[in-house]
Amino acid sequence: MLERFFRYSLQHNKPIRVWLEGEKKYQNITVILMEGETVGFLTARKKTPQMRQKTAFLAASYARGDDGDTLKYQNEGETIG
């Protein structure tokens, strides 16, 4: 299930809300890279890219105010792939 949110963020350049191992709260991240079992992302606070293993992510959801409806961002006649 986490993979789905990672791909959503990467393909649509949208932040997602995640709970990382060792953290005490959720944070918003934008995924910029997915390679094998590694995820590269930017946080809202730190603009430097970070890398973590997929196993470090305990939970994920849409960021506040985002319902995941990708049709809103689709241009007329464009197909989603």
N, C-alpha and C. Protein backbone atom coordinates (compact mmCIF):
# COMPACT_ATOMS: atom_id res chain seq x y z
N MET A 1 0.81 -1.19 0.00
CA MET A 1 0.00 0.00 0.00
C MET A 1 0.87 1.27 0.00
N LEU A 2 1.98 1.23 0.71
CA LEU A 2 2.86 2.40 0.74
C LEU A 2 3.39 2.72 -0.65
N GLU A 3 3.69 1.68 -1.41
CA GLU A 3 4.22 1.84 -2.77
C GLU A 3 3.28 2.71 -3.61
N ARG A 4 2.01 2.53 -3.44
CA ARG A 4 1.01 3.29 -4.19
C ARG A 4 1.11 4.79 -3.90
N PHE A 5 1.29 5.14 -2.64
CA PHE A 5 1.45 6.55 -2.27
C PHE A 5 2.77 7.11 -2.78
N PHE A 6 3.83 6.31 -2.73
CA PHE A 6 5.12 6.77 -3.26
C PHE A 6 5.00 7.09 -4.75
N ARG A 7 4.37 6.19 -5.51
CA ARG A 7 4.20 6.42 -6.96
C ARG A 7 3.33 7.64 -7.23
N TYR A 8 2.27 7.82 -6.44
CA TYR A 8 1.38 8.98 -6.60
C TYR A 8 2.19 10.28 -6.44
N SER A 9 2.98 10.36 -5.38
CA SER A 9 3.78 11.56 -5.13
C SER A 9 4.80 11.79 -6.22
N LEU A 10 5.45 10.73 -6.67
CA LEU A 10 6.48 10.84 -7.70
C LEU A 10 5.88 11.26 -9.04
N GLN A 11 4.78 10.65 -9.46
CA GLN A 11 4.20 10.92 -10.77
C GLN A 11 3.51 12.28 -10.84
N HIS A 12 2.91 12.72 -9.75
CA HIS A 12 2.13 13.96 -9.78
C HIS A 12 2.80 15.12 -9.03
N ASN A 13 4.01 14.88 -8.52
CA ASN A 13 4.75 15.91 -7.78
C ASN A 13 3.90 16.51 -6.66
N LYS A 14 3.23 15.63 -5.91
CA LYS A 14 2.35 16.03 -4.82
C LYS A 14 2.91 15.50 -3.50
N PRO A 15 2.78 16.27 -2.42
CA PRO A 15 3.25 15.78 -1.12
C PRO A 15 2.32 14.69 -0.58
N ILE A 16 2.89 13.79 0.19
CA ILE A 16 2.12 12.79 0.92
C ILE A 16 2.50 12.89 2.38
N ARG A 17 1.67 12.35 3.23
CA ARG A 17 1.88 12.38 4.67
C ARG A 17 2.40 11.01 5.09
N VAL A 18 3.55 10.97 5.77
CA VAL A 18 4.15 9.69 6.17
C VAL A 18 4.57 9.69 7.63
N TRP A 19 4.62 8.48 8.18
CA TRP A 19 5.17 8.28 9.52
C TRP A 19 6.44 7.48 9.33
N LEU A 20 7.57 8.07 9.71
CA LEU A 20 8.87 7.41 9.57
C LEU A 20 9.28 6.75 10.87
N GLU A 21 9.96 5.63 10.74
CA GLU A 21 10.48 4.91 11.89
C GLU A 21 11.38 5.82 12.71
N GLY A 22 11.19 5.84 14.01
CA GLY A 22 12.02 6.66 14.89
C GLY A 22 11.52 8.09 15.07
N GLU A 23 10.49 8.48 14.34
CA GLU A 23 9.93 9.83 14.46
C GLU A 23 8.72 9.80 15.39
N LYS A 24 8.34 10.95 15.92
CA LYS A 24 7.22 11.01 16.85
C LYS A 24 5.97 11.63 16.25
N LYS A 25 6.02 11.97 14.96
CA LYS A 25 4.86 12.58 14.32
C LYS A 25 4.90 12.36 12.81
N TYR A 26 3.77 12.60 12.19
CA TYR A 26 3.70 12.54 10.73
C TYR A 26 4.41 13.74 10.14
N GLN A 27 4.90 13.58 8.91
CA GLN A 27 5.48 14.71 8.19
C GLN A 27 5.12 14.60 6.71
N ASN A 28 5.09 15.72 6.03
CA ASN A 28 4.81 15.74 4.60
C ASN A 28 6.11 15.63 3.83
N ILE A 29 6.09 14.74 2.82
CA ILE A 29 7.25 14.58 1.95
C ILE A 29 6.79 14.58 0.50
N THR A 30 7.68 14.91 -0.40
CA THR A 30 7.44 14.77 -1.83
C THR A 30 8.51 13.83 -2.37
N VAL A 31 8.08 12.72 -2.94
CA VAL A 31 9.00 11.72 -3.46
C VAL A 31 9.62 12.22 -4.76
N ILE A 32 10.94 12.13 -4.86
CA ILE A 32 11.64 12.58 -6.06
C ILE A 32 12.37 11.44 -6.77
N LEU A 33 12.50 10.28 -6.08
CA LEU A 33 13.25 9.17 -6.65
C LEU A 33 12.83 7.86 -6.00
N MET A 34 12.67 6.83 -6.82
CA MET A 34 12.42 5.48 -6.31
C MET A 34 13.34 4.52 -7.05
N GLU A 35 14.23 3.89 -6.32
CA GLU A 35 15.17 2.92 -6.90
C GLU A 35 15.19 1.69 -6.01
N GLY A 36 14.63 0.60 -6.51
CA GLY A 36 14.62 -0.64 -5.75
C GLY A 36 13.91 -0.46 -4.42
N GLU A 37 14.63 -0.64 -3.34
CA GLU A 37 14.06 -0.53 -2.00
C GLU A 37 14.34 0.82 -1.35
N THR A 38 14.82 1.79 -2.13
CA THR A 38 15.17 3.10 -1.61
C THR A 38 14.24 4.17 -2.16
N VAL A 39 13.87 5.12 -1.29
CA VAL A 39 13.02 6.23 -1.68
C VAL A 39 13.77 7.53 -1.41
N GLY A 40 13.84 8.40 -2.41
CA GLY A 40 14.44 9.72 -2.26
C GLY A 40 13.31 10.73 -2.14
N PHE A 41 13.43 11.66 -1.21
CA PHE A 41 12.33 12.60 -0.98
C PHE A 41 12.82 13.93 -0.43
N LEU A 42 11.94 14.92 -0.53
CA LEU A 42 12.15 16.23 0.07
C LEU A 42 11.09 16.43 1.13
N THR A 43 11.45 17.06 2.23
CA THR A 43 10.47 17.40 3.26
C THR A 43 10.12 18.88 3.12
N ALA A 44 9.06 19.26 3.77
CA ALA A 44 8.64 20.67 3.72
C ALA A 44 9.64 21.56 4.45
N ARG A 45 10.27 21.04 5.48
CA ARG A 45 11.21 21.84 6.27
C ARG A 45 12.62 21.85 5.70
N LYS A 46 13.13 20.68 5.33
CA LYS A 46 14.47 20.57 4.76
C LYS A 46 14.35 20.42 3.26
N LYS A 47 14.97 21.29 2.53
CA LYS A 47 14.89 21.23 1.07
C LYS A 47 16.01 20.39 0.46
N THR A 48 16.83 19.77 1.31
CA THR A 48 17.87 18.89 0.79
C THR A 48 17.30 17.49 0.64
N PRO A 49 17.62 16.82 -0.45
CA PRO A 49 17.10 15.46 -0.67
C PRO A 49 17.58 14.48 0.41
N GLN A 50 16.69 13.60 0.80
CA GLN A 50 17.00 12.56 1.78
C GLN A 50 16.69 11.20 1.17
N MET A 51 17.36 10.17 1.62
CA MET A 51 17.13 8.81 1.14
C MET A 51 16.83 7.92 2.34
N ARG A 52 15.82 7.06 2.18
CA ARG A 52 15.50 6.07 3.22
C ARG A 52 15.07 4.78 2.55
N GLN A 53 15.22 3.69 3.26
CA GLN A 53 14.71 2.41 2.81
C GLN A 53 13.19 2.41 2.95
N LYS A 54 12.51 1.70 2.08
CA LYS A 54 11.05 1.63 2.14
C LYS A 54 10.56 1.08 3.47
N THR A 55 11.36 0.24 4.10
CA THR A 55 10.96 -0.35 5.38
C THR A 55 10.95 0.68 6.52
N ALA A 56 11.57 1.85 6.31
CA ALA A 56 11.58 2.90 7.33
C ALA A 56 10.25 3.65 7.39
N PHE A 57 9.41 3.47 6.38
CA PHE A 57 8.11 4.14 6.34
C PHE A 57 7.07 3.22 6.97
N LEU A 58 6.43 3.69 8.03
CA LEU A 58 5.47 2.87 8.75
C LEU A 58 4.04 3.08 8.27
N ALA A 59 3.72 4.28 7.79
CA ALA A 59 2.36 4.58 7.31
C ALA A 59 2.43 5.73 6.32
N ALA A 60 1.42 5.79 5.44
CA ALA A 60 1.34 6.89 4.46
C ALA A 60 -0.11 7.19 4.16
N SER A 61 -0.38 8.44 3.81
CA SER A 61 -1.72 8.87 3.41
C SER A 61 -1.58 10.12 2.56
N TYR A 62 -2.70 10.60 2.03
CA TYR A 62 -2.68 11.84 1.27
C TYR A 62 -2.43 13.00 2.23
N ALA A 63 -1.74 14.01 1.75
CA ALA A 63 -1.49 15.20 2.56
C ALA A 63 -2.81 15.93 2.79
N ARG A 64 -2.83 16.75 3.79
CA ARG A 64 -4.04 17.49 4.15
C ARG A 64 -4.53 18.31 2.95
N GLY A 65 -5.82 18.19 2.66
CA GLY A 65 -6.42 18.93 1.56
C GLY A 65 -6.35 18.22 0.22
N ASP A 66 -5.68 17.08 0.16
CA ASP A 66 -5.54 16.32 -1.09
C ASP A 66 -6.42 15.08 -1.00
N ASP A 67 -7.24 14.86 -2.01
CA ASP A 67 -8.11 13.68 -2.00
C ASP A 67 -7.62 12.60 -2.97
N GLY A 68 -6.50 12.84 -3.66
CA GLY A 68 -5.93 11.85 -4.55
C GLY A 68 -6.61 11.75 -5.90
N ASP A 69 -7.51 12.68 -6.22
CA ASP A 69 -8.21 12.67 -7.50
C ASP A 69 -7.30 13.23 -8.58
N THR A 70 -6.66 12.35 -9.32
CA THR A 70 -5.70 12.78 -10.35
C THR A 70 -6.38 13.35 -11.58
N LEU A 71 -7.67 13.14 -11.73
CA LEU A 71 -8.37 13.69 -12.89
C LEU A 71 -8.43 15.22 -12.85
N LYS A 72 -8.31 15.79 -11.67
CA LYS A 72 -8.29 17.25 -11.53
C LYS A 72 -7.08 17.86 -12.23
N TYR A 73 -5.96 17.11 -12.25
CA TYR A 73 -4.71 17.63 -12.78
C TYR A 73 -4.48 17.22 -14.22
N GLN A 74 -5.40 16.46 -14.78
CA GLN A 74 -5.24 15.94 -16.14
C GLN A 74 -5.71 16.98 -17.16
N ASN A 75 -4.89 17.20 -18.18
CA ASN A 75 -5.27 18.10 -19.27
C ASN A 75 -6.30 17.42 -20.16
N GLU A 76 -7.09 18.21 -20.86
CA GLU A 76 -8.10 17.66 -21.75
C GLU A 76 -7.45 16.77 -22.81
N GLY A 77 -7.95 15.56 -22.98
CA GLY A 77 -7.45 14.66 -23.98
C GLY A 77 -6.23 13.85 -23.54
N GLU A 78 -5.64 14.18 -22.43
CA GLU A 78 -4.46 13.48 -21.94
C GLU A 78 -4.90 12.20 -21.22
N THR A 79 -4.14 11.14 -21.39
CA THR A 79 -4.47 9.91 -20.69
C THR A 79 -3.52 9.71 -19.53
N ILE A 80 -4.01 9.05 -18.51
CA ILE A 80 -3.20 8.77 -17.34
C ILE A 80 -2.57 7.40 -17.52
N GLY A 81 -1.27 7.31 -17.33
CA GLY A 81 -0.58 6.05 -17.54
C GLY A 81 0.09 5.51 -16.37
